[in-house]
């Protein structure tokens, strides 16, 4: 199973920008989808960005226009560019590989998370 490690979290002021990175221990080309989620330990995680194998992206309204997901197959990396951050974006951010796309499902792998505190 591929291992995922997030990085890039850290304190940022409201209105600022930050880019999170997720490196995979193996090729990400076989995953039907990858995504970024956020939440607090012990709570249900919220999807904030998703990209499918075909390159189609999805964002919930809460981050649409502010967050951008991208990937680099050559480096086995997934990114999340976050702009115009607000204190409401404060959370632990997790990288996920796999899951379901339409009727096709794969086992999921999760990273351990990176912390993003946003100060007002």
N, C-alpha and C. Protein backbone atom coordinates (compact mmCIF):
# COMPACT_ATOMS: atom_id res chain seq x y z
N UNK A 1 0.84 -1.18 0.00
CA UNK A 1 0.00 0.00 0.00
C UNK A 1 0.89 1.24 0.00
N UNK A 2 0.51 2.23 -0.81
CA UNK A 2 1.34 3.43 -0.92
C UNK A 2 1.25 4.23 0.36
N UNK A 3 2.37 4.81 0.75
CA UNK A 3 2.43 5.69 1.91
C UNK A 3 2.36 7.14 1.44
N UNK A 4 1.61 7.96 2.18
CA UNK A 4 1.45 9.37 1.84
C UNK A 4 1.94 10.23 2.99
N UNK A 5 2.69 11.27 2.67
CA UNK A 5 3.21 12.17 3.69
C UNK A 5 2.93 13.61 3.27
N UNK A 6 2.19 14.31 4.13
CA UNK A 6 1.86 15.70 3.86
C UNK A 6 2.92 16.62 4.45
N UNK A 7 3.03 17.81 3.87
CA UNK A 7 3.92 18.84 4.41
C UNK A 7 3.41 20.20 3.96
N UNK A 8 3.96 21.24 4.56
CA UNK A 8 3.62 22.60 4.15
C UNK A 8 2.73 23.36 5.11
N UNK A 9 2.21 22.67 6.12
CA UNK A 9 1.36 23.36 7.08
C UNK A 9 2.16 24.31 7.94
N UNK A 10 1.46 25.20 8.59
CA UNK A 10 2.12 26.17 9.46
C UNK A 10 1.24 27.39 9.64
N UNK A 11 1.61 28.20 10.61
CA UNK A 11 0.80 29.37 10.95
C UNK A 11 0.79 30.38 9.80
N UNK A 12 -0.39 30.85 9.45
CA UNK A 12 -0.55 31.85 8.41
C UNK A 12 -1.62 32.84 8.87
N UNK A 13 -1.47 34.08 8.46
CA UNK A 13 -2.45 35.10 8.83
C UNK A 13 -3.64 35.07 7.87
N UNK A 14 -4.76 35.51 8.34
CA UNK A 14 -5.95 35.60 7.50
C UNK A 14 -5.64 36.44 6.27
N UNK A 15 -6.12 35.95 5.13
CA UNK A 15 -5.84 36.63 3.87
C UNK A 15 -4.61 36.11 3.16
N UNK A 16 -3.82 35.32 3.87
CA UNK A 16 -2.58 34.81 3.30
C UNK A 16 -2.79 33.57 2.46
N UNK A 17 -1.68 33.07 1.93
CA UNK A 17 -1.69 31.90 1.06
C UNK A 17 -0.70 30.87 1.56
N UNK A 18 -0.94 29.63 1.18
CA UNK A 18 -0.05 28.53 1.56
C UNK A 18 -0.26 27.40 0.57
N UNK A 19 0.79 26.64 0.34
CA UNK A 19 0.66 25.46 -0.51
C UNK A 19 1.04 24.22 0.29
N UNK A 20 0.12 23.27 0.32
CA UNK A 20 0.39 21.98 0.94
C UNK A 20 0.88 21.00 -0.11
N UNK A 21 1.74 20.09 0.32
CA UNK A 21 2.26 19.06 -0.56
C UNK A 21 2.02 17.70 0.04
N UNK A 22 1.87 16.71 -0.82
CA UNK A 22 1.71 15.32 -0.39
C UNK A 22 2.57 14.47 -1.32
N UNK A 23 3.53 13.76 -0.73
CA UNK A 23 4.38 12.90 -1.53
C UNK A 23 3.99 11.45 -1.30
N UNK A 24 3.92 10.70 -2.39
CA UNK A 24 3.56 9.29 -2.32
C UNK A 24 4.82 8.43 -2.45
N UNK A 25 4.80 7.28 -1.76
CA UNK A 25 5.96 6.38 -1.80
C UNK A 25 6.05 5.61 -3.10
N UNK A 26 5.00 5.66 -3.91
CA UNK A 26 4.98 4.98 -5.20
C UNK A 26 4.24 5.82 -6.22
N UNK A 27 4.04 5.24 -7.37
CA UNK A 27 3.38 5.96 -8.45
C UNK A 27 1.94 6.30 -8.10
N UNK A 28 1.55 7.53 -8.44
CA UNK A 28 0.17 7.96 -8.21
C UNK A 28 -0.67 7.81 -9.47
N UNK A 29 -0.05 7.38 -10.55
CA UNK A 29 -0.74 7.32 -11.83
C UNK A 29 -1.89 6.31 -11.83
N UNK A 30 -1.84 5.32 -10.96
CA UNK A 30 -2.86 4.27 -10.97
C UNK A 30 -4.10 4.62 -10.14
N UNK A 31 -4.04 5.73 -9.42
CA UNK A 31 -5.17 6.07 -8.56
C UNK A 31 -6.29 6.73 -9.37
N UNK A 32 -7.52 6.28 -9.14
CA UNK A 32 -8.64 6.85 -9.88
C UNK A 32 -8.99 8.24 -9.37
N UNK A 33 -8.55 8.56 -8.17
CA UNK A 33 -8.79 9.89 -7.62
C UNK A 33 -7.83 10.15 -6.47
N UNK A 34 -7.55 11.41 -6.24
CA UNK A 34 -6.79 11.84 -5.07
C UNK A 34 -7.46 13.09 -4.53
N UNK A 35 -7.27 13.31 -3.25
CA UNK A 35 -7.96 14.45 -2.67
C UNK A 35 -7.32 14.97 -1.41
N UNK A 36 -7.79 16.12 -1.01
CA UNK A 36 -7.41 16.75 0.25
C UNK A 36 -8.66 16.86 1.12
N UNK A 37 -8.49 16.50 2.37
CA UNK A 37 -9.57 16.57 3.36
C UNK A 37 -9.05 17.34 4.56
N UNK A 38 -9.99 17.80 5.37
CA UNK A 38 -9.58 18.48 6.59
C UNK A 38 -10.54 18.12 7.72
N UNK A 39 -10.04 18.26 8.92
CA UNK A 39 -10.84 17.96 10.10
C UNK A 39 -9.99 17.96 11.33
N UNK A 40 -10.62 17.71 12.45
CA UNK A 40 -9.92 17.57 13.71
C UNK A 40 -9.85 16.09 14.05
N UNK A 41 -8.79 15.68 14.74
CA UNK A 41 -8.69 14.26 15.12
C UNK A 41 -9.94 13.78 15.83
N UNK A 42 -10.45 12.66 15.39
CA UNK A 42 -11.63 12.10 16.02
C UNK A 42 -12.94 12.57 15.43
N UNK A 43 -12.89 13.49 14.48
CA UNK A 43 -14.11 13.98 13.84
C UNK A 43 -14.13 13.56 12.38
N UNK A 44 -15.30 13.65 11.76
CA UNK A 44 -15.42 13.29 10.35
C UNK A 44 -14.68 14.31 9.50
N UNK A 45 -13.93 13.82 8.54
CA UNK A 45 -13.15 14.70 7.68
C UNK A 45 -14.00 15.25 6.55
N UNK A 46 -13.73 16.51 6.22
CA UNK A 46 -14.45 17.22 5.17
C UNK A 46 -13.61 17.26 3.91
N UNK A 47 -14.19 16.90 2.79
CA UNK A 47 -13.49 17.00 1.51
C UNK A 47 -13.35 18.46 1.13
N UNK A 48 -12.12 18.88 0.77
CA UNK A 48 -11.91 20.26 0.32
C UNK A 48 -11.45 20.34 -1.13
N UNK A 49 -10.94 19.27 -1.68
CA UNK A 49 -10.52 19.28 -3.08
C UNK A 49 -10.29 17.85 -3.55
N UNK A 50 -10.63 17.61 -4.78
CA UNK A 50 -10.50 16.25 -5.32
C UNK A 50 -10.15 16.36 -6.80
N UNK A 51 -9.31 15.45 -7.25
CA UNK A 51 -8.97 15.39 -8.66
C UNK A 51 -9.02 13.95 -9.11
N UNK A 52 -9.68 13.71 -10.22
CA UNK A 52 -9.82 12.34 -10.71
C UNK A 52 -8.68 12.02 -11.68
N UNK A 53 -8.65 10.76 -12.07
CA UNK A 53 -7.62 10.26 -13.00
C UNK A 53 -7.65 11.06 -14.31
N UNK A 54 -8.83 11.49 -14.73
CA UNK A 54 -8.97 12.23 -15.98
C UNK A 54 -8.65 13.71 -15.83
N UNK A 55 -8.42 14.14 -14.60
CA UNK A 55 -8.09 15.53 -14.36
C UNK A 55 -9.26 16.40 -13.93
N UNK A 56 -10.42 15.79 -13.79
CA UNK A 56 -11.59 16.56 -13.36
C UNK A 56 -11.44 16.89 -11.88
N UNK A 57 -11.77 18.12 -11.53
CA UNK A 57 -11.62 18.57 -10.15
C UNK A 57 -12.97 18.90 -9.54
N UNK A 58 -13.00 18.83 -8.22
CA UNK A 58 -14.21 19.18 -7.47
C UNK A 58 -13.79 19.92 -6.21
N UNK A 59 -14.57 20.98 -5.92
CA UNK A 59 -14.36 21.76 -4.69
C UNK A 59 -15.72 22.04 -4.06
N UNK A 60 -15.84 21.94 -2.77
CA UNK A 60 -17.08 22.38 -2.14
C UNK A 60 -17.16 23.90 -2.17
N UNK A 61 -18.35 24.41 -1.98
CA UNK A 61 -18.56 25.86 -2.05
C UNK A 61 -17.69 26.62 -1.05
N UNK A 62 -17.41 25.98 0.08
CA UNK A 62 -16.65 26.66 1.13
C UNK A 62 -15.24 27.06 0.71
N UNK A 63 -14.68 26.39 -0.31
CA UNK A 63 -13.31 26.71 -0.72
C UNK A 63 -13.21 27.05 -2.20
N UNK A 64 -14.30 26.92 -2.94
CA UNK A 64 -14.28 27.14 -4.38
C UNK A 64 -13.79 28.56 -4.68
N UNK A 65 -12.87 28.65 -5.62
CA UNK A 65 -12.29 29.95 -5.97
C UNK A 65 -11.10 30.35 -5.13
N UNK A 66 -10.86 29.63 -4.02
CA UNK A 66 -9.72 29.94 -3.15
C UNK A 66 -8.69 28.82 -3.12
N UNK A 67 -9.12 27.59 -3.29
CA UNK A 67 -8.24 26.43 -3.24
C UNK A 67 -8.09 25.84 -4.64
N UNK A 68 -6.89 25.34 -4.93
CA UNK A 68 -6.63 24.69 -6.21
C UNK A 68 -5.82 23.43 -5.98
N UNK A 69 -6.32 22.31 -6.48
CA UNK A 69 -5.62 21.04 -6.37
C UNK A 69 -4.87 20.76 -7.67
N UNK A 70 -3.69 20.18 -7.53
CA UNK A 70 -2.92 19.81 -8.72
C UNK A 70 -2.03 18.62 -8.36
N UNK A 71 -1.43 18.03 -9.37
CA UNK A 71 -0.59 16.86 -9.15
C UNK A 71 0.58 16.88 -10.11
N UNK A 72 1.60 16.15 -9.77
CA UNK A 72 2.78 15.98 -10.62
C UNK A 72 3.08 14.49 -10.66
N UNK A 73 2.78 13.86 -11.77
CA UNK A 73 2.99 12.41 -11.87
C UNK A 73 4.47 12.05 -11.78
N UNK A 74 5.32 12.88 -12.38
CA UNK A 74 6.75 12.56 -12.41
C UNK A 74 7.34 12.52 -11.01
N UNK A 75 6.81 13.38 -10.12
CA UNK A 75 7.33 13.45 -8.75
C UNK A 75 6.44 12.71 -7.76
N UNK A 76 5.34 12.13 -8.23
CA UNK A 76 4.39 11.45 -7.34
C UNK A 76 3.91 12.38 -6.23
N UNK A 77 3.55 13.59 -6.63
CA UNK A 77 3.16 14.62 -5.68
C UNK A 77 1.74 15.10 -5.95
N UNK A 78 1.07 15.47 -4.87
CA UNK A 78 -0.23 16.11 -4.92
C UNK A 78 -0.09 17.42 -4.16
N UNK A 79 -0.73 18.49 -4.68
CA UNK A 79 -0.60 19.80 -4.06
C UNK A 79 -1.97 20.40 -3.77
N UNK A 80 -1.98 21.33 -2.84
CA UNK A 80 -3.18 22.11 -2.58
C UNK A 80 -2.74 23.56 -2.37
N UNK A 81 -3.03 24.40 -3.34
CA UNK A 81 -2.76 25.83 -3.22
C UNK A 81 -3.97 26.47 -2.56
N UNK A 82 -3.71 27.18 -1.47
CA UNK A 82 -4.79 27.80 -0.71
C UNK A 82 -4.55 29.30 -0.64
N UNK A 83 -5.50 30.06 -1.11
CA UNK A 83 -5.40 31.52 -1.13
C UNK A 83 -6.53 32.13 -0.31
N UNK A 84 -6.31 33.37 0.10
CA UNK A 84 -7.32 34.10 0.87
C UNK A 84 -7.82 33.27 2.06
N UNK A 85 -6.90 32.78 2.82
CA UNK A 85 -7.25 31.92 3.96
C UNK A 85 -7.96 32.71 5.04
N UNK A 86 -8.82 32.02 5.77
CA UNK A 86 -9.54 32.62 6.88
C UNK A 86 -9.42 31.71 8.10
N UNK A 87 -9.70 32.24 9.29
CA UNK A 87 -9.62 31.39 10.49
C UNK A 87 -10.49 30.14 10.39
N UNK A 88 -11.56 30.20 9.60
CA UNK A 88 -12.41 29.03 9.41
C UNK A 88 -11.74 27.89 8.67
N UNK A 89 -10.60 28.16 8.05
CA UNK A 89 -9.85 27.11 7.36
C UNK A 89 -8.90 26.38 8.30
N UNK A 90 -8.81 26.83 9.52
CA UNK A 90 -7.94 26.17 10.49
C UNK A 90 -8.37 24.72 10.70
N UNK A 91 -7.45 23.81 10.50
CA UNK A 91 -7.76 22.37 10.62
C UNK A 91 -6.49 21.56 10.39
N UNK A 92 -6.62 20.28 10.59
CA UNK A 92 -5.60 19.32 10.16
C UNK A 92 -5.98 18.92 8.74
N UNK A 93 -5.00 18.96 7.83
CA UNK A 93 -5.26 18.65 6.43
C UNK A 93 -4.63 17.30 6.07
N UNK A 94 -5.43 16.47 5.39
CA UNK A 94 -5.02 15.12 5.06
C UNK A 94 -5.06 14.89 3.55
N UNK A 95 -4.12 14.12 3.09
CA UNK A 95 -4.05 13.68 1.70
C UNK A 95 -4.64 12.28 1.60
N UNK A 96 -5.38 12.04 0.55
CA UNK A 96 -5.98 10.72 0.34
C UNK A 96 -5.77 10.30 -1.10
N UNK A 97 -5.49 9.01 -1.29
CA UNK A 97 -5.35 8.43 -2.62
C UNK A 97 -6.30 7.25 -2.73
N UNK A 98 -6.98 7.14 -3.85
CA UNK A 98 -7.91 6.04 -4.05
C UNK A 98 -9.33 6.48 -3.79
N UNK A 99 -10.15 5.56 -3.31
CA UNK A 99 -11.56 5.85 -3.10
C UNK A 99 -12.36 5.43 -4.31
N UNK A 100 -13.48 6.13 -4.56
CA UNK A 100 -14.37 5.77 -5.65
C UNK A 100 -14.51 6.89 -6.66
N UNK A 101 -14.63 6.51 -7.89
CA UNK A 101 -14.95 7.46 -8.96
C UNK A 101 -16.01 6.79 -9.82
N UNK A 102 -17.24 7.28 -9.72
CA UNK A 102 -18.34 6.59 -10.38
C UNK A 102 -18.56 5.24 -9.72
N UNK A 103 -18.60 4.21 -10.53
CA UNK A 103 -18.84 2.87 -10.01
C UNK A 103 -17.56 2.12 -9.69
N UNK A 104 -16.43 2.74 -9.92
CA UNK A 104 -15.14 2.10 -9.69
C UNK A 104 -14.56 2.55 -8.36
N UNK A 105 -14.16 1.58 -7.54
CA UNK A 105 -13.60 1.89 -6.22
C UNK A 105 -12.27 1.19 -6.03
N UNK A 106 -11.41 1.88 -5.30
CA UNK A 106 -10.10 1.34 -4.92
C UNK A 106 -9.94 1.48 -3.42
N UNK A 107 -9.05 0.69 -2.87
CA UNK A 107 -8.70 0.91 -1.47
C UNK A 107 -8.07 2.29 -1.32
N UNK A 108 -8.31 2.90 -0.16
CA UNK A 108 -7.79 4.24 0.09
C UNK A 108 -6.55 4.19 0.95
N UNK A 109 -5.67 5.15 0.69
CA UNK A 109 -4.53 5.41 1.56
C UNK A 109 -4.64 6.83 2.06
N UNK A 110 -4.27 7.04 3.31
CA UNK A 110 -4.33 8.36 3.93
C UNK A 110 -2.97 8.74 4.49
N UNK A 111 -2.68 10.02 4.44
CA UNK A 111 -1.52 10.53 5.14
C UNK A 111 -1.87 10.80 6.59
N UNK A 112 -0.87 11.22 7.36
CA UNK A 112 -1.10 11.47 8.79
C UNK A 112 -1.53 12.90 9.07
N UNK A 113 -1.46 13.75 8.08
CA UNK A 113 -1.96 15.10 8.23
C UNK A 113 -0.88 16.14 8.45
N UNK A 114 -1.23 17.37 8.13
CA UNK A 114 -0.39 18.52 8.41
C UNK A 114 -1.29 19.63 8.95
N UNK A 115 -0.79 20.35 9.94
CA UNK A 115 -1.62 21.30 10.67
C UNK A 115 -1.57 22.69 10.06
N UNK A 116 -2.75 23.27 9.90
CA UNK A 116 -2.84 24.62 9.37
C UNK A 116 -3.63 25.49 10.33
N UNK A 117 -2.96 26.30 11.12
CA UNK A 117 -3.64 27.29 11.94
C UNK A 117 -3.65 28.64 11.21
N UNK A 118 -4.82 29.26 11.13
CA UNK A 118 -4.94 30.56 10.47
C UNK A 118 -5.34 31.58 11.54
N UNK A 119 -4.52 32.59 11.71
CA UNK A 119 -4.78 33.60 12.74
C UNK A 119 -5.56 34.77 12.14
N UNK A 120 -6.38 35.38 12.99
CA UNK A 120 -7.21 36.50 12.51
C UNK A 120 -6.46 37.82 12.62
